[in-house]
Amino acid sequence: MMAAGEYYIFTGREVVLPRHVTHVRIDKSLTVIPARAFHAHPNITELVCHDGVIKVVEEWAFDQCPSLRRVIMPGVKEVEENVFYECKALMDVECGKLEIIGEGAFDHCYSLRSIDLSSVMTVEELAFYYCRSLTNIKFGDKLNQSERGHSVIAPLWSESQSHC
């Protein structure tokens, strides 16, 4: 059992992450966080990647993690589709080298208030869909339009209304 505040070191060999884990640090040997690695884990509150180690976070890696509040990924270059889907408590994301944000990557992250995407070049369709607290996004001059020309941020409509 881990003491409060200690980090669980994720090596990528885990079949199921122990449910008591709240803080995760990605092992230095990994360059990719695999698809669905932390899917629906109820207790993770914080994830930390070492600078320059993780390059890609694969699809659905953290989807439906209701307690996830903070993610520090300084070296990540790509976040694939739906990586943080329905991480409703997610407030703080640090990703200094991020270049590509996949479709729906932050979909339904209700608590996300601001994000610095200065290094981002590509943002796919509805990457920030239903991020109703998002009031500040900092984009840099490298940003290209979404490949298909679709909206990346949906207006704050009710779930029953049509979406852009």
N, C-alpha and C. Protein backbone atom coordinates (compact mmCIF):
# COMPACT_ATOMS: atom_id res chain seq x y z
N MET A 1 0.85 -1.19 0.00
CA MET A 1 0.00 0.00 0.00
C MET A 1 0.89 1.24 0.00
N MET A 2 0.51 2.23 -0.78
CA MET A 2 1.26 3.46 -0.87
C MET A 2 0.82 4.42 0.23
N ALA A 3 1.77 5.23 0.70
CA ALA A 3 1.42 6.27 1.65
C ALA A 3 0.79 7.44 0.91
N ALA A 4 0.01 8.24 1.61
CA ALA A 4 -0.64 9.40 0.98
C ALA A 4 0.39 10.29 0.32
N GLY A 5 0.12 10.72 -0.90
CA GLY A 5 1.02 11.61 -1.61
C GLY A 5 2.12 10.92 -2.39
N GLU A 6 2.29 9.60 -2.22
CA GLU A 6 3.30 8.87 -2.97
C GLU A 6 2.79 8.58 -4.37
N TYR A 7 3.74 8.46 -5.30
CA TYR A 7 3.38 8.17 -6.69
C TYR A 7 3.51 6.69 -7.01
N TYR A 8 2.55 6.18 -7.73
CA TYR A 8 2.60 4.84 -8.29
C TYR A 8 3.35 4.97 -9.61
N ILE A 9 4.38 4.14 -9.82
CA ILE A 9 5.15 4.19 -11.06
C ILE A 9 4.49 3.25 -12.07
N PHE A 10 3.96 3.83 -13.14
CA PHE A 10 3.30 3.06 -14.20
C PHE A 10 4.36 2.61 -15.20
N THR A 11 4.50 1.29 -15.37
CA THR A 11 5.53 0.74 -16.27
C THR A 11 4.97 0.32 -17.62
N GLY A 12 3.65 0.26 -17.73
CA GLY A 12 3.03 -0.18 -18.97
C GLY A 12 2.78 -1.68 -19.00
N ARG A 13 3.26 -2.39 -17.99
CA ARG A 13 3.06 -3.85 -17.94
C ARG A 13 1.84 -4.23 -17.10
N GLU A 14 1.24 -3.24 -16.45
CA GLU A 14 0.09 -3.51 -15.60
C GLU A 14 -1.11 -3.92 -16.45
N VAL A 15 -1.78 -4.96 -16.02
CA VAL A 15 -3.01 -5.37 -16.68
C VAL A 15 -4.15 -4.49 -16.16
N VAL A 16 -4.18 -4.33 -14.85
CA VAL A 16 -5.16 -3.46 -14.20
C VAL A 16 -4.43 -2.64 -13.15
N LEU A 17 -4.61 -1.34 -13.18
CA LEU A 17 -4.00 -0.47 -12.19
C LEU A 17 -4.75 -0.63 -10.87
N PRO A 18 -4.04 -0.79 -9.75
CA PRO A 18 -4.72 -0.93 -8.45
C PRO A 18 -5.67 0.24 -8.19
N ARG A 19 -6.82 -0.06 -7.64
CA ARG A 19 -7.86 0.96 -7.44
C ARG A 19 -7.49 2.01 -6.40
N HIS A 20 -6.59 1.69 -5.47
CA HIS A 20 -6.23 2.64 -4.43
C HIS A 20 -5.30 3.75 -4.92
N VAL A 21 -4.76 3.61 -6.12
CA VAL A 21 -3.78 4.57 -6.65
C VAL A 21 -4.45 5.92 -6.93
N THR A 22 -3.82 6.99 -6.44
CA THR A 22 -4.32 8.34 -6.70
C THR A 22 -3.34 9.20 -7.49
N HIS A 23 -2.05 8.94 -7.35
CA HIS A 23 -1.01 9.72 -8.03
C HIS A 23 -0.17 8.77 -8.87
N VAL A 24 -0.01 9.10 -10.16
CA VAL A 24 0.72 8.23 -11.08
C VAL A 24 1.88 8.99 -11.71
N ARG A 25 3.03 8.34 -11.75
CA ARG A 25 4.19 8.85 -12.47
C ARG A 25 4.52 7.81 -13.54
N ILE A 26 4.72 8.26 -14.77
CA ILE A 26 5.03 7.35 -15.87
C ILE A 26 6.51 7.00 -15.82
N ASP A 27 6.81 5.71 -15.91
CA ASP A 27 8.19 5.22 -15.88
C ASP A 27 9.00 5.81 -17.03
N LYS A 28 10.26 6.08 -16.77
CA LYS A 28 11.14 6.69 -17.77
C LYS A 28 11.37 5.82 -18.99
N SER A 29 11.07 4.53 -18.91
CA SER A 29 11.29 3.62 -20.03
C SER A 29 10.21 3.73 -21.11
N LEU A 30 9.08 4.33 -20.78
CA LEU A 30 7.96 4.41 -21.74
C LEU A 30 8.06 5.65 -22.62
N THR A 31 7.66 5.50 -23.88
CA THR A 31 7.56 6.64 -24.78
C THR A 31 6.12 6.86 -25.23
N VAL A 32 5.26 5.89 -24.93
CA VAL A 32 3.84 5.96 -25.30
C VAL A 32 3.00 5.52 -24.11
N ILE A 33 1.94 6.26 -23.84
CA ILE A 33 0.94 5.79 -22.88
C ILE A 33 -0.10 5.06 -23.71
N PRO A 34 -0.25 3.75 -23.47
CA PRO A 34 -1.12 2.94 -24.33
C PRO A 34 -2.61 3.28 -24.23
N ALA A 35 -3.33 2.95 -25.29
CA ALA A 35 -4.78 3.16 -25.33
C ALA A 35 -5.44 2.48 -24.14
N ARG A 36 -6.36 3.19 -23.52
CA ARG A 36 -7.17 2.70 -22.41
C ARG A 36 -6.36 2.27 -21.18
N ALA A 37 -5.15 2.76 -21.06
CA ALA A 37 -4.28 2.37 -19.94
C ALA A 37 -4.89 2.67 -18.57
N PHE A 38 -5.62 3.76 -18.47
CA PHE A 38 -6.19 4.18 -17.19
C PHE A 38 -7.72 4.31 -17.28
N HIS A 39 -8.30 3.70 -18.27
CA HIS A 39 -9.74 3.81 -18.55
C HIS A 39 -10.59 3.67 -17.30
N ALA A 40 -11.40 4.68 -17.04
CA ALA A 40 -12.40 4.67 -15.96
C ALA A 40 -11.82 4.39 -14.58
N HIS A 41 -10.56 4.72 -14.35
CA HIS A 41 -9.99 4.53 -13.01
C HIS A 41 -10.63 5.57 -12.09
N PRO A 42 -11.25 5.14 -11.00
CA PRO A 42 -12.05 6.06 -10.20
C PRO A 42 -11.27 7.01 -9.29
N ASN A 43 -10.00 6.71 -9.00
CA ASN A 43 -9.31 7.46 -7.95
C ASN A 43 -8.09 8.27 -8.37
N ILE A 44 -7.61 8.12 -9.59
CA ILE A 44 -6.44 8.90 -10.01
C ILE A 44 -6.78 10.39 -9.98
N THR A 45 -5.95 11.16 -9.28
CA THR A 45 -6.14 12.61 -9.23
C THR A 45 -5.03 13.35 -9.98
N GLU A 46 -3.86 12.71 -10.11
CA GLU A 46 -2.73 13.40 -10.74
C GLU A 46 -1.87 12.43 -11.54
N LEU A 47 -1.42 12.91 -12.70
CA LEU A 47 -0.53 12.14 -13.57
C LEU A 47 0.67 13.02 -13.90
N VAL A 48 1.87 12.45 -13.77
CA VAL A 48 3.10 13.18 -14.10
C VAL A 48 3.94 12.34 -15.04
N CYS A 49 4.35 12.94 -16.16
CA CYS A 49 5.28 12.31 -17.10
C CYS A 49 6.61 13.05 -16.99
N HIS A 50 7.71 12.33 -17.10
CA HIS A 50 9.02 12.97 -17.08
C HIS A 50 9.22 13.76 -18.36
N ASP A 51 9.93 14.85 -18.28
CA ASP A 51 10.18 15.71 -19.44
C ASP A 51 10.90 14.94 -20.54
N GLY A 52 10.32 14.98 -21.73
CA GLY A 52 10.96 14.40 -22.90
C GLY A 52 10.79 12.91 -23.07
N VAL A 53 10.11 12.24 -22.16
CA VAL A 53 10.00 10.79 -22.24
C VAL A 53 8.79 10.36 -23.07
N ILE A 54 7.61 10.70 -22.63
CA ILE A 54 6.38 10.31 -23.33
C ILE A 54 6.17 11.24 -24.52
N LYS A 55 5.99 10.65 -25.69
CA LYS A 55 5.76 11.43 -26.91
C LYS A 55 4.30 11.38 -27.35
N VAL A 56 3.62 10.24 -27.10
CA VAL A 56 2.25 10.05 -27.57
C VAL A 56 1.39 9.48 -26.44
N VAL A 57 0.19 10.03 -26.30
CA VAL A 57 -0.81 9.45 -25.42
C VAL A 57 -1.89 8.91 -26.35
N GLU A 58 -2.04 7.58 -26.36
CA GLU A 58 -2.96 6.94 -27.30
C GLU A 58 -4.42 7.12 -26.89
N GLU A 59 -5.29 6.87 -27.86
CA GLU A 59 -6.72 7.11 -27.71
C GLU A 59 -7.32 6.48 -26.45
N TRP A 60 -8.24 7.23 -25.86
CA TRP A 60 -9.02 6.80 -24.70
C TRP A 60 -8.16 6.44 -23.48
N ALA A 61 -6.92 6.88 -23.41
CA ALA A 61 -6.01 6.49 -22.32
C ALA A 61 -6.54 6.83 -20.93
N PHE A 62 -7.22 7.96 -20.79
CA PHE A 62 -7.72 8.40 -19.48
C PHE A 62 -9.22 8.65 -19.49
N ASP A 63 -9.92 8.13 -20.47
CA ASP A 63 -11.35 8.45 -20.55
C ASP A 63 -12.09 8.00 -19.30
N GLN A 64 -13.02 8.82 -18.90
CA GLN A 64 -13.91 8.55 -17.77
C GLN A 64 -13.17 8.33 -16.45
N CYS A 65 -12.13 9.11 -16.22
CA CYS A 65 -11.44 9.12 -14.93
C CYS A 65 -12.02 10.30 -14.14
N PRO A 66 -13.03 10.07 -13.32
CA PRO A 66 -13.79 11.15 -12.71
C PRO A 66 -13.03 11.99 -11.69
N SER A 67 -11.93 11.48 -11.14
CA SER A 67 -11.19 12.21 -10.12
C SER A 67 -9.95 12.92 -10.65
N LEU A 68 -9.58 12.66 -11.90
CA LEU A 68 -8.36 13.24 -12.47
C LEU A 68 -8.47 14.76 -12.53
N ARG A 69 -7.56 15.44 -11.81
CA ARG A 69 -7.60 16.90 -11.75
C ARG A 69 -6.38 17.56 -12.39
N ARG A 70 -5.23 16.88 -12.37
CA ARG A 70 -4.00 17.52 -12.84
C ARG A 70 -3.19 16.56 -13.69
N VAL A 71 -2.71 17.07 -14.84
CA VAL A 71 -1.89 16.28 -15.75
C VAL A 71 -0.67 17.11 -16.13
N ILE A 72 0.52 16.55 -15.91
CA ILE A 72 1.76 17.23 -16.28
C ILE A 72 2.48 16.34 -17.29
N MET A 73 2.53 16.81 -18.54
CA MET A 73 3.12 16.03 -19.64
C MET A 73 4.04 16.95 -20.46
N PRO A 74 5.18 17.35 -19.92
CA PRO A 74 5.99 18.37 -20.60
C PRO A 74 6.56 17.97 -21.95
N GLY A 75 6.76 16.69 -22.21
CA GLY A 75 7.37 16.28 -23.47
C GLY A 75 6.42 15.70 -24.50
N VAL A 76 5.14 15.55 -24.15
CA VAL A 76 4.17 14.92 -25.05
C VAL A 76 3.96 15.78 -26.28
N LYS A 77 4.03 15.12 -27.46
CA LYS A 77 3.82 15.83 -28.73
C LYS A 77 2.44 15.58 -29.31
N GLU A 78 1.83 14.42 -28.98
CA GLU A 78 0.52 14.11 -29.54
C GLU A 78 -0.40 13.49 -28.50
N VAL A 79 -1.61 14.03 -28.44
CA VAL A 79 -2.69 13.48 -27.63
C VAL A 79 -3.74 13.02 -28.63
N GLU A 80 -3.94 11.70 -28.71
CA GLU A 80 -4.86 11.15 -29.70
C GLU A 80 -6.32 11.38 -29.30
N GLU A 81 -7.23 10.84 -30.09
CA GLU A 81 -8.65 11.10 -29.89
C GLU A 81 -9.18 10.59 -28.55
N ASN A 82 -10.03 11.41 -27.96
CA ASN A 82 -10.77 11.08 -26.74
C ASN A 82 -9.90 10.68 -25.55
N VAL A 83 -8.69 11.15 -25.49
CA VAL A 83 -7.77 10.78 -24.40
C VAL A 83 -8.33 11.15 -23.03
N PHE A 84 -8.89 12.33 -22.89
CA PHE A 84 -9.42 12.78 -21.60
C PHE A 84 -10.95 12.88 -21.61
N TYR A 85 -11.60 12.11 -22.46
CA TYR A 85 -13.05 12.15 -22.58
C TYR A 85 -13.72 11.94 -21.21
N GLU A 86 -14.59 12.85 -20.86
CA GLU A 86 -15.35 12.80 -19.60
C GLU A 86 -14.48 12.76 -18.35
N CYS A 87 -13.35 13.42 -18.38
CA CYS A 87 -12.56 13.65 -17.16
C CYS A 87 -13.10 14.95 -16.57
N LYS A 88 -14.23 14.85 -15.94
CA LYS A 88 -15.02 16.02 -15.55
C LYS A 88 -14.38 16.87 -14.47
N ALA A 89 -13.41 16.34 -13.72
CA ALA A 89 -12.74 17.12 -12.68
C ALA A 89 -11.43 17.74 -13.17
N LEU A 90 -11.01 17.43 -14.39
CA LEU A 90 -9.72 17.90 -14.92
C LEU A 90 -9.69 19.42 -14.99
N MET A 91 -8.75 20.01 -14.26
CA MET A 91 -8.64 21.47 -14.19
C MET A 91 -7.32 21.99 -14.75
N ASP A 92 -6.25 21.23 -14.56
CA ASP A 92 -4.91 21.73 -14.86
C ASP A 92 -4.19 20.77 -15.79
N VAL A 93 -3.82 21.25 -16.97
CA VAL A 93 -3.08 20.45 -17.95
C VAL A 93 -1.84 21.24 -18.36
N GLU A 94 -0.67 20.64 -18.15
CA GLU A 94 0.59 21.25 -18.58
C GLU A 94 1.19 20.36 -19.65
N CYS A 95 1.34 20.92 -20.85
CA CYS A 95 1.83 20.13 -21.98
C CYS A 95 2.63 21.04 -22.92
N GLY A 96 3.81 21.43 -22.50
CA GLY A 96 4.61 22.44 -23.17
C GLY A 96 5.06 22.16 -24.59
N LYS A 97 5.10 20.89 -25.01
CA LYS A 97 5.58 20.57 -26.36
C LYS A 97 4.51 19.96 -27.25
N LEU A 98 3.27 20.02 -26.81
CA LEU A 98 2.17 19.40 -27.53
C LEU A 98 2.00 20.03 -28.91
N GLU A 99 1.91 19.18 -29.95
CA GLU A 99 1.77 19.64 -31.33
C GLU A 99 0.45 19.23 -31.96
N ILE A 100 -0.08 18.06 -31.57
CA ILE A 100 -1.28 17.52 -32.20
C ILE A 100 -2.29 17.13 -31.12
N ILE A 101 -3.52 17.64 -31.28
CA ILE A 101 -4.61 17.29 -30.37
C ILE A 101 -5.68 16.58 -31.19
N GLY A 102 -5.95 15.32 -30.84
CA GLY A 102 -6.90 14.51 -31.58
C GLY A 102 -8.35 14.89 -31.35
N GLU A 103 -9.20 14.35 -32.18
CA GLU A 103 -10.64 14.61 -32.13
C GLU A 103 -11.20 14.28 -30.75
N GLY A 104 -11.91 15.22 -30.16
CA GLY A 104 -12.57 15.00 -28.88
C GLY A 104 -11.62 14.76 -27.71
N ALA A 105 -10.37 15.14 -27.83
CA ALA A 105 -9.36 14.82 -26.81
C ALA A 105 -9.75 15.29 -25.41
N PHE A 106 -10.37 16.45 -25.31
CA PHE A 106 -10.79 16.99 -24.01
C PHE A 106 -12.31 17.10 -23.92
N ASP A 107 -13.00 16.31 -24.69
CA ASP A 107 -14.46 16.30 -24.75
C ASP A 107 -15.07 16.09 -23.36
N HIS A 108 -15.97 16.97 -22.96
CA HIS A 108 -16.67 16.89 -21.67
C HIS A 108 -15.75 17.02 -20.46
N CYS A 109 -14.70 17.80 -20.58
CA CYS A 109 -13.85 18.14 -19.42
C CYS A 109 -14.43 19.41 -18.82
N TYR A 110 -15.48 19.26 -18.05
CA TYR A 110 -16.27 20.37 -17.55
C TYR A 110 -15.49 21.36 -16.69
N SER A 111 -14.47 20.92 -15.99
CA SER A 111 -13.76 21.79 -15.04
C SER A 111 -12.54 22.48 -15.63
N LEU A 112 -12.16 22.14 -16.85
CA LEU A 112 -10.98 22.74 -17.48
C LEU A 112 -11.25 24.22 -17.73
N ARG A 113 -10.41 25.08 -17.15
CA ARG A 113 -10.63 26.53 -17.24
C ARG A 113 -9.71 27.21 -18.24
N SER A 114 -8.46 26.79 -18.28
CA SER A 114 -7.53 27.41 -19.21
C SER A 114 -6.49 26.39 -19.62
N ILE A 115 -5.89 26.63 -20.79
CA ILE A 115 -4.86 25.72 -21.29
C ILE A 115 -3.95 26.50 -22.23
N ASP A 116 -2.65 26.26 -22.11
CA ASP A 116 -1.66 26.91 -22.96
C ASP A 116 -1.25 25.93 -24.05
N LEU A 117 -1.59 26.25 -25.28
CA LEU A 117 -1.31 25.39 -26.43
C LEU A 117 -0.39 26.12 -27.41
N SER A 118 0.58 26.82 -26.89
CA SER A 118 1.47 27.64 -27.71
C SER A 118 2.21 26.87 -28.79
N SER A 119 2.51 25.60 -28.54
CA SER A 119 3.28 24.80 -29.50
C SER A 119 2.40 23.96 -30.43
N VAL A 120 1.09 24.00 -30.23
CA VAL A 120 0.17 23.15 -31.00
C VAL A 120 0.08 23.61 -32.45
N MET A 121 0.14 22.62 -33.36
CA MET A 121 0.02 22.88 -34.79
C MET A 121 -1.32 22.42 -35.34
N THR A 122 -1.86 21.32 -34.79
CA THR A 122 -3.11 20.76 -35.31
C THR A 122 -4.06 20.45 -34.16
N VAL A 123 -5.29 20.93 -34.30
CA VAL A 123 -6.36 20.63 -33.35
C VAL A 123 -7.50 20.02 -34.16
N GLU A 124 -7.85 18.80 -33.82
CA GLU A 124 -8.91 18.10 -34.56
C GLU A 124 -10.30 18.51 -34.07
N GLU A 125 -11.28 18.05 -34.79
CA GLU A 125 -12.68 18.39 -34.57
C GLU A 125 -13.11 18.19 -33.12
N LEU A 126 -13.75 19.20 -32.58
CA LEU A 126 -14.37 19.16 -31.26
C LEU A 126 -13.43 18.70 -30.15
N ALA A 127 -12.19 19.10 -30.24
CA ALA A 127 -11.19 18.73 -29.24
C ALA A 127 -11.59 19.19 -27.84
N PHE A 128 -12.29 20.30 -27.74
CA PHE A 128 -12.68 20.85 -26.44
C PHE A 128 -14.21 20.93 -26.31
N TYR A 129 -14.87 19.96 -26.86
CA TYR A 129 -16.33 19.90 -26.87
C TYR A 129 -16.88 19.82 -25.45
N TYR A 130 -17.82 20.66 -25.13
CA TYR A 130 -18.45 20.73 -23.81
C TYR A 130 -17.48 20.96 -22.67
N CYS A 131 -16.48 21.76 -22.90
CA CYS A 131 -15.61 22.23 -21.82
C CYS A 131 -16.23 23.54 -21.34
N ARG A 132 -17.27 23.43 -20.55
CA ARG A 132 -18.08 24.59 -20.23
C ARG A 132 -17.41 25.62 -19.33
N SER A 133 -16.31 25.27 -18.66
CA SER A 133 -15.60 26.25 -17.83
C SER A 133 -14.42 26.87 -18.56
N LEU A 134 -14.13 26.39 -19.76
CA LEU A 134 -12.96 26.85 -20.51
C LEU A 134 -13.15 28.29 -20.98
N THR A 135 -12.37 29.19 -20.40
CA THR A 135 -12.47 30.60 -20.76
C THR A 135 -11.18 31.15 -21.35
N ASN A 136 -10.09 30.39 -21.27
CA ASN A 136 -8.82 30.91 -21.74
C ASN A 136 -8.01 29.82 -22.43
N ILE A 137 -7.81 29.97 -23.73
CA ILE A 137 -6.94 29.07 -24.48
C ILE A 137 -5.89 29.93 -25.15
N LYS A 138 -4.63 29.61 -24.92
CA LYS A 138 -3.54 30.35 -25.56
C LYS A 138 -2.99 29.50 -26.69
N PHE A 139 -3.22 29.95 -27.93
CA PHE A 139 -2.67 29.29 -29.10
C PHE A 139 -1.45 30.07 -29.58
N GLY A 140 -0.50 29.37 -30.19
CA GLY A 140 0.67 30.02 -30.76
C GLY A 140 0.48 30.28 -32.23
N ASP A 141 1.53 30.73 -32.88
CA ASP A 141 1.45 31.06 -34.31
C ASP A 141 1.66 29.85 -35.21
N LYS A 142 1.88 28.67 -34.65
CA LYS A 142 2.07 27.45 -35.44
C LYS A 142 0.76 26.76 -35.78
N LEU A 143 -0.33 27.20 -35.19
CA LEU A 143 -1.61 26.52 -35.33
C LEU A 143 -2.16 26.57 -36.74
N ASN A 144 -2.50 25.39 -37.26
CA ASN A 144 -3.22 25.27 -38.53
C ASN A 144 -4.67 25.01 -38.19
N GLN A 145 -5.55 25.24 -39.14
CA GLN A 145 -6.97 24.96 -38.93
C GLN A 145 -7.15 23.45 -38.79
N SER A 146 -8.18 23.06 -38.09
CA SER A 146 -8.55 21.65 -38.02
C SER A 146 -8.58 21.10 -39.44
N GLU A 147 -8.02 19.91 -39.64
CA GLU A 147 -7.88 19.34 -40.98
C GLU A 147 -9.17 19.38 -41.79
N ARG A 148 -10.28 19.11 -41.15
CA ARG A 148 -11.55 19.07 -41.87
C ARG A 148 -12.31 20.39 -41.77
N GLY A 149 -11.71 21.38 -41.14
CA GLY A 149 -12.33 22.69 -41.05
C GLY A 149 -13.49 22.78 -40.07
N HIS A 150 -13.63 21.83 -39.15
CA HIS A 150 -14.74 21.81 -38.20
C HIS A 150 -14.38 22.59 -36.94
N SER A 151 -15.39 22.86 -36.15
CA SER A 151 -15.19 23.56 -34.88
C SER A 151 -14.40 22.69 -33.92
N VAL A 152 -13.58 23.34 -33.10
CA VAL A 152 -12.84 22.60 -32.09
C VAL A 152 -13.41 22.86 -30.70
N ILE A 153 -14.20 23.92 -30.58
CA ILE A 153 -14.83 24.26 -29.31
C ILE A 153 -16.31 24.46 -29.57
N ALA A 154 -17.14 23.72 -28.87
CA ALA A 154 -18.59 23.85 -29.07
C ALA A 154 -19.14 24.92 -28.15
N PRO A 155 -20.17 25.62 -28.59
CA PRO A 155 -20.80 26.60 -27.71
C PRO A 155 -21.46 25.91 -26.52
N LEU A 156 -21.78 26.67 -25.54
CA LEU A 156 -22.36 26.13 -24.32
C LEU A 156 -23.87 25.95 -24.46
N TRP A 157 -24.25 24.92 -25.13
CA TRP A 157 -25.66 24.58 -25.31
C TRP A 157 -25.99 23.42 -24.40
N SER A 158 -27.27 23.22 -24.21
CA SER A 158 -27.68 22.06 -23.42
C SER A 158 -27.46 20.80 -24.24
N GLU A 159 -27.35 19.67 -23.58
CA GLU A 159 -27.11 18.39 -24.24
C GLU A 159 -28.19 18.06 -25.26
N SER A 160 -29.41 18.57 -25.06
CA SER A 160 -30.51 18.22 -25.94
C SER A 160 -30.53 19.02 -27.24
N GLN A 161 -29.75 20.09 -27.30
CA GLN A 161 -29.73 20.91 -28.51
C GLN A 161 -28.72 20.37 -29.51
N SER A 162 -28.86 20.79 -30.74
CA SER A 162 -27.92 20.35 -31.77
C SER A 162 -26.56 20.99 -31.52
N HIS A 163 -25.54 20.37 -32.06
CA HIS A 163 -24.16 20.80 -31.83
C HIS A 163 -23.53 21.25 -33.14
N CYS A 164 -22.47 22.06 -33.01
CA CYS A 164 -21.78 22.49 -34.23
C CYS A 164 -20.74 21.48 -34.65
